[in-house]
Every structure is written in C-alpha cells, then in structure tokens.
C-alpha cells in the first residue's frame, strides 16, 4: 500500500480540522483545551485514532460544534 492510501476503515477528519481552523486554534491549543497531547489531535485529524466519546464531546464543546457535525460520517459507512 502506498503511503498516501488510507486503510478501509480509516478516514481523515477534515470536518474537525476545518472547525479548528475556523476557531483560529492550532492543534496544540485544542489539545490543551481538551486535556490531550497535540499528537492525539493530529492523529484524530489524520484518521489514525478513534477518540473516546468523552474526548469527542470535549472537542465539540471547545469548537462550538455538534457530535453529528464533527464525527458522524454521512452516507454509506464503507465509503
């Protein structure tokens, strides 16, 4: 597999990245606000880490977003 190909269940969280950018926050700032490392935020955005529900809620509150808006994938789950 080439480096830029995603695994079947791995999806980048571009919605979270966009919401973070809209708030003018760096990965480091978001990480500090929700109590994790910058690497964790980077891994979530890259689709390499599945956050807990509590972490998802903290991220949503910090970014003024909903769980559906940031973490629900629309359409077929196999897309």
PDB file of N, CA and C in Angstrom:
ATOM      1  N   UNK A   1       0.844  -1.179   0.000  1.00  0.00           N
ATOM      2  CA  UNK A   1       0.000   0.000   0.000  1.00  0.00           C
ATOM      3  C   UNK A   1       0.889   1.242   0.000  1.00  0.00           C
ATOM      4  N   UNK A   2       0.545   2.196  -0.840  1.00  0.00           N
ATOM      5  CA  UNK A   2       1.293   3.443  -0.912  1.00  0.00           C
ATOM      6  C   UNK A   2       1.034   4.288   0.322  1.00  0.00           C
ATOM      7  N   UNK A   3       1.954   5.152   0.649  1.00  0.00           N
ATOM      8  CA  UNK A   3       1.862   5.973   1.844  1.00  0.00           C
ATOM      9  C   UNK A   3       0.652   6.883   1.895  1.00  0.00           C
ATOM     10  N   UNK A   4       0.126   7.302   0.723  1.00  0.00           N
ATOM     11  CA  UNK A   4      -0.998   8.229   0.724  1.00  0.00           C
ATOM     12  C   UNK A   4      -2.349   7.530   0.658  1.00  0.00           C
ATOM     13  N   UNK A   5      -2.381   6.195   0.591  1.00  0.00           N
ATOM     14  CA  UNK A   5      -3.633   5.462   0.582  1.00  0.00           C
ATOM     15  C   UNK A   5      -4.117   5.243   2.006  1.00  0.00           C
ATOM     16  N   UNK A   6      -5.440   5.298   2.189  1.00  0.00           N
ATOM     17  CA  UNK A   6      -5.999   5.075   3.513  1.00  0.00           C
ATOM     18  C   UNK A   6      -6.418   3.621   3.655  1.00  0.00           C
ATOM     19  N   UNK A   7      -6.347   3.116   4.862  1.00  0.00           N
ATOM     20  CA  UNK A   7      -6.871   1.800   5.162  1.00  0.00           C
ATOM     21  C   UNK A   7      -8.383   1.854   4.996  1.00  0.00           C
ATOM     22  N   UNK A   8      -9.065   0.708   4.777  1.00  0.00           N
ATOM     23  CA  UNK A   8     -10.504   0.726   4.505  1.00  0.00           C
ATOM     24  C   UNK A   8     -11.337   1.478   5.531  1.00  0.00           C
ATOM     25  N   UNK A   9     -11.086   1.332   6.824  1.00  0.00           N
ATOM     26  CA  UNK A   9     -11.901   1.987   7.848  1.00  0.00           C
ATOM     27  C   UNK A   9     -11.309   3.297   8.329  1.00  0.00           C
ATOM     28  N   UNK A  10     -10.264   3.750   7.689  1.00  0.00           N
ATOM     29  CA  UNK A  10      -9.572   4.950   8.143  1.00  0.00           C
ATOM     30  C   UNK A  10     -10.012   6.143   7.303  1.00  0.00           C
ATOM     31  N   UNK A  11     -10.562   7.151   7.954  1.00  0.00           N
ATOM     32  CA  UNK A  11     -10.968   8.371   7.260  1.00  0.00           C
ATOM     33  C   UNK A  11     -10.384   9.560   7.981  1.00  0.00           C
ATOM     34  N   UNK A  12      -9.891  10.488   7.212  1.00  0.00           N
ATOM     35  CA  UNK A  12      -9.397  11.724   7.808  1.00  0.00           C
ATOM     36  C   UNK A  12     -10.581  12.518   8.333  1.00  0.00           C
ATOM     37  N   UNK A  13     -10.373  13.212   9.443  1.00  0.00           N
ATOM     38  CA  UNK A  13     -11.439  14.038   9.998  1.00  0.00           C
ATOM     39  C   UNK A  13     -11.204  15.477   9.547  1.00  0.00           C
ATOM     40  N   UNK A  14     -11.578  15.733   8.305  1.00  0.00           N
ATOM     41  CA  UNK A  14     -11.396  17.068   7.752  1.00  0.00           C
ATOM     42  C   UNK A  14     -12.373  18.064   8.357  1.00  0.00           C
ATOM     43  N   UNK A  15     -13.532  17.566   8.823  1.00  0.00           N
ATOM     44  CA  UNK A  15     -14.511  18.462   9.470  1.00  0.00           C
ATOM     45  C   UNK A  15     -13.929  19.035  10.753  1.00  0.00           C
ATOM     46  N   UNK A  16     -13.270  18.188  11.514  1.00  0.00           N
ATOM     47  CA  UNK A  16     -12.674  18.659  12.768  1.00  0.00           C
ATOM     48  C   UNK A  16     -11.546  19.644  12.485  1.00  0.00           C
ATOM     49  N   UNK A  17     -10.734  19.328  11.500  1.00  0.00           N
ATOM     50  CA  UNK A  17      -9.626  20.214  11.137  1.00  0.00           C
ATOM     51  C   UNK A  17     -10.162  21.577  10.680  1.00  0.00           C
ATOM     52  N   UNK A  18     -11.222  21.562   9.873  1.00  0.00           N
ATOM     53  CA  UNK A  18     -11.817  22.815   9.387  1.00  0.00           C
ATOM     54  C   UNK A  18     -12.423  23.617  10.532  1.00  0.00           C
ATOM     55  N   UNK A  19     -13.113  22.932  11.453  1.00  0.00           N
ATOM     56  CA  UNK A  19     -13.725  23.622  12.595  1.00  0.00           C
ATOM     57  C   UNK A  19     -12.656  24.238  13.488  1.00  0.00           C
ATOM     58  N   UNK A  20     -11.554  23.522  13.660  1.00  0.00           N
ATOM     59  CA  UNK A  20     -10.440  24.035  14.472  1.00  0.00           C
ATOM     60  C   UNK A  20      -9.845  25.282  13.810  1.00  0.00           C
ATOM     61  N   UNK A  21      -9.663  25.220  12.501  1.00  0.00           N
ATOM     62  CA  UNK A  21      -9.116  26.362  11.766  1.00  0.00           C
ATOM     63  C   UNK A  21     -10.062  27.556  11.818  1.00  0.00           C
ATOM     64  N   UNK A  22     -11.362  27.276  11.728  1.00  0.00           N
ATOM     65  CA  UNK A  22     -12.365  28.346  11.792  1.00  0.00           C
ATOM     66  C   UNK A  22     -12.308  29.083  13.125  1.00  0.00           C
ATOM     67  N   UNK A  23     -12.011  28.352  14.195  1.00  0.00           N
ATOM     68  CA  UNK A  23     -11.857  28.961  15.518  1.00  0.00           C
ATOM     69  C   UNK A  23     -10.491  29.613  15.692  1.00  0.00           C
ATOM     70  N   UNK A  24      -9.601  29.449  14.724  1.00  0.00           N
ATOM     71  CA  UNK A  24      -8.271  30.038  14.807  1.00  0.00           C
ATOM     72  C   UNK A  24      -7.372  29.329  15.814  1.00  0.00           C
ATOM     73  N   UNK A  25      -7.637  28.038  16.030  1.00  0.00           N
ATOM     74  CA  UNK A  25      -6.870  27.278  17.019  1.00  0.00           C
ATOM     75  C   UNK A  25      -5.853  26.368  16.339  1.00  0.00           C
ATOM     76  N   UNK A  26      -4.694  26.260  16.946  1.00  0.00           N
ATOM     77  CA  UNK A  26      -3.700  25.283  16.488  1.00  0.00           C
ATOM     78  C   UNK A  26      -4.050  23.930  17.113  1.00  0.00           C
ATOM     79  N   UNK A  27      -3.408  22.887  16.617  1.00  0.00           N
ATOM     80  CA  UNK A  27      -3.585  21.574  17.231  1.00  0.00           C
ATOM     81  C   UNK A  27      -3.169  21.625  18.697  1.00  0.00           C
ATOM     82  N   UNK A  28      -2.098  22.329  18.981  1.00  0.00           N
ATOM     83  CA  UNK A  28      -1.591  22.448  20.350  1.00  0.00           C
ATOM     84  C   UNK A  28      -2.614  23.133  21.260  1.00  0.00           C
ATOM     85  N   UNK A  29      -3.226  24.210  20.771  1.00  0.00           N
ATOM     86  CA  UNK A  29      -4.219  24.934  21.573  1.00  0.00           C
ATOM     87  C   UNK A  29      -5.452  24.076  21.847  1.00  0.00           C
ATOM     88  N   UNK A  30      -5.914  23.367  20.830  1.00  0.00           N
ATOM     89  CA  UNK A  30      -7.062  22.488  21.025  1.00  0.00           C
ATOM     90  C   UNK A  30      -6.719  21.368  21.997  1.00  0.00           C
ATOM     91  N   UNK A  31      -5.538  20.813  21.846  1.00  0.00           N
ATOM     92  CA  UNK A  31      -5.102  19.735  22.737  1.00  0.00           C
ATOM     93  C   UNK A  31      -5.091  20.187  24.191  1.00  0.00           C
ATOM     94  N   UNK A  32      -4.539  21.355  24.456  1.00  0.00           N
ATOM     95  CA  UNK A  32      -4.504  21.874  25.825  1.00  0.00           C
ATOM     96  C   UNK A  32      -5.901  22.120  26.359  1.00  0.00           C
ATOM     97  N   UNK A  33      -6.793  22.606  25.508  1.00  0.00           N
ATOM     98  CA  UNK A  33      -8.160  22.909  25.930  1.00  0.00           C
ATOM     99  C   UNK A  33      -8.936  21.651  26.321  1.00  0.00           C
ATOM    100  N   UNK A  34      -8.613  20.517  25.682  1.00  0.00           N
ATOM    101  CA  UNK A  34      -9.368  19.289  25.967  1.00  0.00           C
ATOM    102  C   UNK A  34      -8.562  18.275  26.776  1.00  0.00           C
ATOM    103  N   UNK A  35      -7.331  18.612  27.133  1.00  0.00           N
ATOM    104  CA  UNK A  35      -6.544  17.769  28.022  1.00  0.00           C
ATOM    105  C   UNK A  35      -5.858  16.571  27.394  1.00  0.00           C
ATOM    106  N   UNK A  36      -5.444  16.716  26.129  1.00  0.00           N
ATOM    107  CA  UNK A  36      -4.680  15.652  25.469  1.00  0.00           C
ATOM    108  C   UNK A  36      -3.420  16.261  24.848  1.00  0.00           C
ATOM    109  N   UNK A  37      -2.623  15.441  24.192  1.00  0.00           N
ATOM    110  CA  UNK A  37      -1.422  15.953  23.529  1.00  0.00           C
ATOM    111  C   UNK A  37      -1.749  16.431  22.114  1.00  0.00           C
ATOM    112  N   UNK A  38      -0.877  17.249  21.586  1.00  0.00           N
ATOM    113  CA  UNK A  38      -1.029  17.706  20.200  1.00  0.00           C
ATOM    114  C   UNK A  38      -1.012  16.511  19.251  1.00  0.00           C
ATOM    115  N   UNK A  39      -0.212  15.508  19.579  1.00  0.00           N
ATOM    116  CA  UNK A  39      -0.136  14.323  18.728  1.00  0.00           C
ATOM    117  C   UNK A  39      -1.482  13.615  18.648  1.00  0.00           C
ATOM    118  N   UNK A  40      -2.222  13.588  19.757  1.00  0.00           N
ATOM    119  CA  UNK A  40      -3.544  12.960  19.747  1.00  0.00           C
ATOM    120  C   UNK A  40      -4.477  13.684  18.796  1.00  0.00           C
ATOM    121  N   UNK A  41      -4.474  15.007  18.848  1.00  0.00           N
ATOM    122  CA  UNK A  41      -5.319  15.792  17.936  1.00  0.00           C
ATOM    123  C   UNK A  41      -4.902  15.523  16.496  1.00  0.00           C
ATOM    124  N   UNK A  42      -3.621  15.515  16.233  1.00  0.00           N
ATOM    125  CA  UNK A  42      -3.127  15.226  14.889  1.00  0.00           C
ATOM    126  C   UNK A  42      -3.545  13.847  14.403  1.00  0.00           C
ATOM    127  N   UNK A  43      -3.496  12.870  15.296  1.00  0.00           N
ATOM    128  CA  UNK A  43      -3.885  11.505  14.929  1.00  0.00           C
ATOM    129  C   UNK A  43      -5.385  11.404  14.663  1.00  0.00           C
ATOM    130  N   UNK A  44      -6.192  12.129  15.424  1.00  0.00           N
ATOM    131  CA  UNK A  44      -7.645  12.141  15.178  1.00  0.00           C
ATOM    132  C   UNK A  44      -7.913  12.750  13.803  1.00  0.00           C
ATOM    133  N   UNK A  45      -7.292  13.889  13.527  1.00  0.00           N
ATOM    134  CA  UNK A  45      -7.500  14.556  12.242  1.00  0.00           C
ATOM    135  C   UNK A  45      -7.014  13.703  11.079  1.00  0.00           C
ATOM    136  N   UNK A  46      -5.956  12.929  11.295  1.00  0.00           N
ATOM    137  CA  UNK A  46      -5.402  12.075  10.242  1.00  0.00           C
ATOM    138  C   UNK A  46      -6.184  10.768  10.087  1.00  0.00           C
ATOM    139  N   UNK A  47      -7.098  10.492  11.024  1.00  0.00           N
ATOM    140  CA  UNK A  47      -7.855   9.254  10.965  1.00  0.00           C
ATOM    141  C   UNK A  47      -7.125   8.061  11.545  1.00  0.00           C
ATOM    142  N   UNK A  48      -6.079   8.332  12.324  1.00  0.00           N
ATOM    143  CA  UNK A  48      -5.267   7.262  12.908  1.00  0.00           C
ATOM    144  C   UNK A  48      -5.648   6.934  14.347  1.00  0.00           C
ATOM    145  N   UNK A  49      -6.632   7.637  14.900  1.00  0.00           N
ATOM    146  CA  UNK A  49      -7.013   7.427  16.302  1.00  0.00           C
ATOM    147  C   UNK A  49      -8.507   7.621  16.441  1.00  0.00           C
ATOM    148  N   UNK A  50      -9.166   6.691  17.109  1.00  0.00           N
ATOM    149  CA  UNK A  50     -10.596   6.774  17.356  1.00  0.00           C
ATOM    150  C   UNK A  50     -10.795   7.289  18.780  1.00  0.00           C
ATOM    151  N   UNK A  51     -11.189   8.549  18.944  1.00  0.00           N
ATOM    152  CA  UNK A  51     -11.303   9.130  20.287  1.00  0.00           C
ATOM    153  C   UNK A  51     -12.479   8.566  21.070  1.00  0.00           C
ATOM    154  N   UNK A  52     -12.365   8.654  22.393  1.00  0.00           N
ATOM    155  CA  UNK A  52     -13.472   8.249  23.261  1.00  0.00           C
ATOM    156  C   UNK A  52     -14.623   9.239  23.097  1.00  0.00           C
ATOM    157  N   UNK A  53     -15.790   8.819  23.535  1.00  0.00           N
ATOM    158  CA  UNK A  53     -16.953   9.703  23.479  1.00  0.00           C
ATOM    159  C   UNK A  53     -16.713  10.961  24.306  1.00  0.00           C
ATOM    160  N   UNK A  54     -16.111  10.806  25.485  1.00  0.00           N
ATOM    161  CA  UNK A  54     -15.827  11.973  26.330  1.00  0.00           C
ATOM    162  C   UNK A  54     -14.902  12.960  25.629  1.00  0.00           C
ATOM    163  N   UNK A  55     -13.897  12.454  24.925  1.00  0.00           N
ATOM    164  CA  UNK A  55     -12.988  13.340  24.198  1.00  0.00           C
ATOM    165  C   UNK A  55     -13.722  14.003  23.037  1.00  0.00           C
ATOM    166  N   UNK A  56     -14.563  13.255  22.341  1.00  0.00           N
ATOM    167  CA  UNK A  56     -15.350  13.846  21.248  1.00  0.00           C
ATOM    168  C   UNK A  56     -16.216  14.989  21.756  1.00  0.00           C
ATOM    169  N   UNK A  57     -16.860  14.772  22.897  1.00  0.00           N
ATOM    170  CA  UNK A  57     -17.725  15.805  23.487  1.00  0.00           C
ATOM    171  C   UNK A  57     -16.895  17.036  23.862  1.00  0.00           C
ATOM    172  N   UNK A  58     -15.722  16.830  24.462  1.00  0.00           N
ATOM    173  CA  UNK A  58     -14.859  17.957  24.839  1.00  0.00           C
ATOM    174  C   UNK A  58     -14.412  18.741  23.612  1.00  0.00           C
ATOM    175  N   UNK A  59     -14.072  18.041  22.555  1.00  0.00           N
ATOM    176  CA  UNK A  59     -13.657  18.709  21.311  1.00  0.00           C
ATOM    177  C   UNK A  59     -14.817  19.508  20.744  1.00  0.00           C
ATOM    178  N   UNK A  60     -16.006  18.906  20.712  1.00  0.00           N
ATOM    179  CA  UNK A  60     -17.182  19.604  20.183  1.00  0.00           C
ATOM    180  C   UNK A  60     -17.500  20.859  20.980  1.00  0.00           C
ATOM    181  N   UNK A  61     -17.450  20.760  22.296  1.00  0.00           N
ATOM    182  CA  UNK A  61     -17.723  21.934  23.135  1.00  0.00           C
ATOM    183  C   UNK A  61     -16.697  23.034  22.889  1.00  0.00           C
ATOM    184  N   UNK A  62     -15.453  22.655  22.778  1.00  0.00           N
ATOM    185  CA  UNK A  62     -14.390  23.636  22.567  1.00  0.00           C
ATOM    186  C   UNK A  62     -14.516  24.316  21.205  1.00  0.00           C
ATOM    187  N   UNK A  63     -14.931  23.550  20.201  1.00  0.00           N
ATOM    188  CA  UNK A  63     -15.033  24.094  18.843  1.00  0.00           C
ATOM    189  C   UNK A  63     -16.432  24.602  18.503  1.00  0.00           C
ATOM    190  N   UNK A  64     -17.348  24.591  19.502  1.00  0.00           N
ATOM    191  CA  UNK A  64     -18.737  25.034  19.284  1.00  0.00           C
ATOM    192  C   UNK A  64     -19.393  24.275  18.129  1.00  0.00           C
ATOM    193  N   UNK A  65     -19.239  22.945  18.157  1.00  0.00           N
ATOM    194  CA  UNK A  65     -19.790  22.074  17.124  1.00  0.00           C
ATOM    195  C   UNK A  65     -20.624  20.978  17.777  1.00  0.00           C
ATOM    196  N   UNK A  66     -21.348  20.235  16.964  1.00  0.00           N
ATOM    197  CA  UNK A  66     -22.117  19.088  17.458  1.00  0.00           C
ATOM    198  C   UNK A  66     -21.353  17.803  17.162  1.00  0.00           C
ATOM    199  N   UNK A  67     -21.715  16.735  17.887  1.00  0.00           N
ATOM    200  CA  UNK A  67     -21.113  15.428  17.604  1.00  0.00           C
ATOM    201  C   UNK A  67     -21.410  15.010  16.173  1.00  0.00           C
ATOM    202  N   UNK A  68     -22.655  15.173  15.749  1.00  0.00           N
ATOM    203  CA  UNK A  68     -23.007  14.822  14.374  1.00  0.00           C
ATOM    204  C   UNK A  68     -22.180  15.615  13.370  1.00  0.00           C
ATOM    205  N   UNK A  69     -22.020  16.888  13.654  1.00  0.00           N
ATOM    206  CA  UNK A  69     -21.302  17.752  12.724  1.00  0.00           C
ATOM    207  C   UNK A  69     -19.839  17.393  12.549  1.00  0.00           C
ATOM    208  N   UNK A  70     -19.195  16.945  13.614  1.00  0.00           N
ATOM    209  CA  UNK A  70     -17.762  16.653  13.535  1.00  0.00           C
ATOM    210  C   UNK A  70     -17.421  15.187  13.337  1.00  0.00           C
ATOM    211  N   UNK A  71     -18.219  14.302  13.925  1.00  0.00           N
ATOM    212  CA  UNK A  71     -17.792  12.904  13.969  1.00  0.00           C
ATOM    213  C   UNK A  71     -18.697  11.912  13.254  1.00  0.00           C
ATOM    214  N   UNK A  72     -19.847  12.338  12.769  1.00  0.00           N
ATOM    215  CA  UNK A  72     -20.741  11.422  12.077  1.00  0.00           C
ATOM    216  C   UNK A  72     -20.426  11.446  10.600  1.00  0.00           C
ATOM    217  N   UNK A  73     -20.147  10.276  10.022  1.00  0.00           N
ATOM    218  CA  UNK A  73     -19.874  10.224   8.590  1.00  0.00           C
ATOM    219  C   UNK A  73     -21.184   9.997   7.862  1.00  0.00           C
ATOM    220  N   UNK A  74     -21.428  10.802   6.859  1.00  0.00           N
ATOM    221  CA  UNK A  74     -22.670  10.705   6.106  1.00  0.00           C
ATOM    222  C   UNK A  74     -22.538   9.637   5.037  1.00  0.00           C
ATOM    223  N   UNK A  75     -23.665   9.105   4.633  1.00  0.00           N
ATOM    224  CA  UNK A  75     -23.665   8.117   3.569  1.00  0.00           C
ATOM    225  C   UNK A  75     -23.278   6.748   4.047  1.00  0.00           C
ATOM    226  N   UNK A  76     -22.881   5.915   3.131  1.00  0.00           N
ATOM    227  CA  UNK A  76     -22.519   4.541   3.418  1.00  0.00           C
ATOM    228  C   UNK A  76     -21.233   4.474   4.211  1.00  0.00           C
ATOM    229  N   UNK A  77     -21.221   3.710   5.286  1.00  0.00           N
ATOM    230  CA  UNK A  77     -20.040   3.595   6.154  1.00  0.00           C
ATOM    231  C   UNK A  77     -18.844   3.012   5.400  1.00  0.00           C
ATOM    232  N   UNK A  78     -19.064   2.316   4.292  1.00  0.00           N
ATOM    233  CA  UNK A  78     -17.948   1.731   3.554  1.00  0.00           C
ATOM    234  C   UNK A  78     -17.321   2.711   2.587  1.00  0.00           C
ATOM    235  N   UNK A  79     -17.899   3.927   2.452  1.00  0.00           N
ATOM    236  CA  UNK A  79     -17.321   4.952   1.562  1.00  0.00           C
ATOM    237  C   UNK A  79     -15.982   5.395   2.048  1.00  0.00           C
TER     238      UNK A  79
END
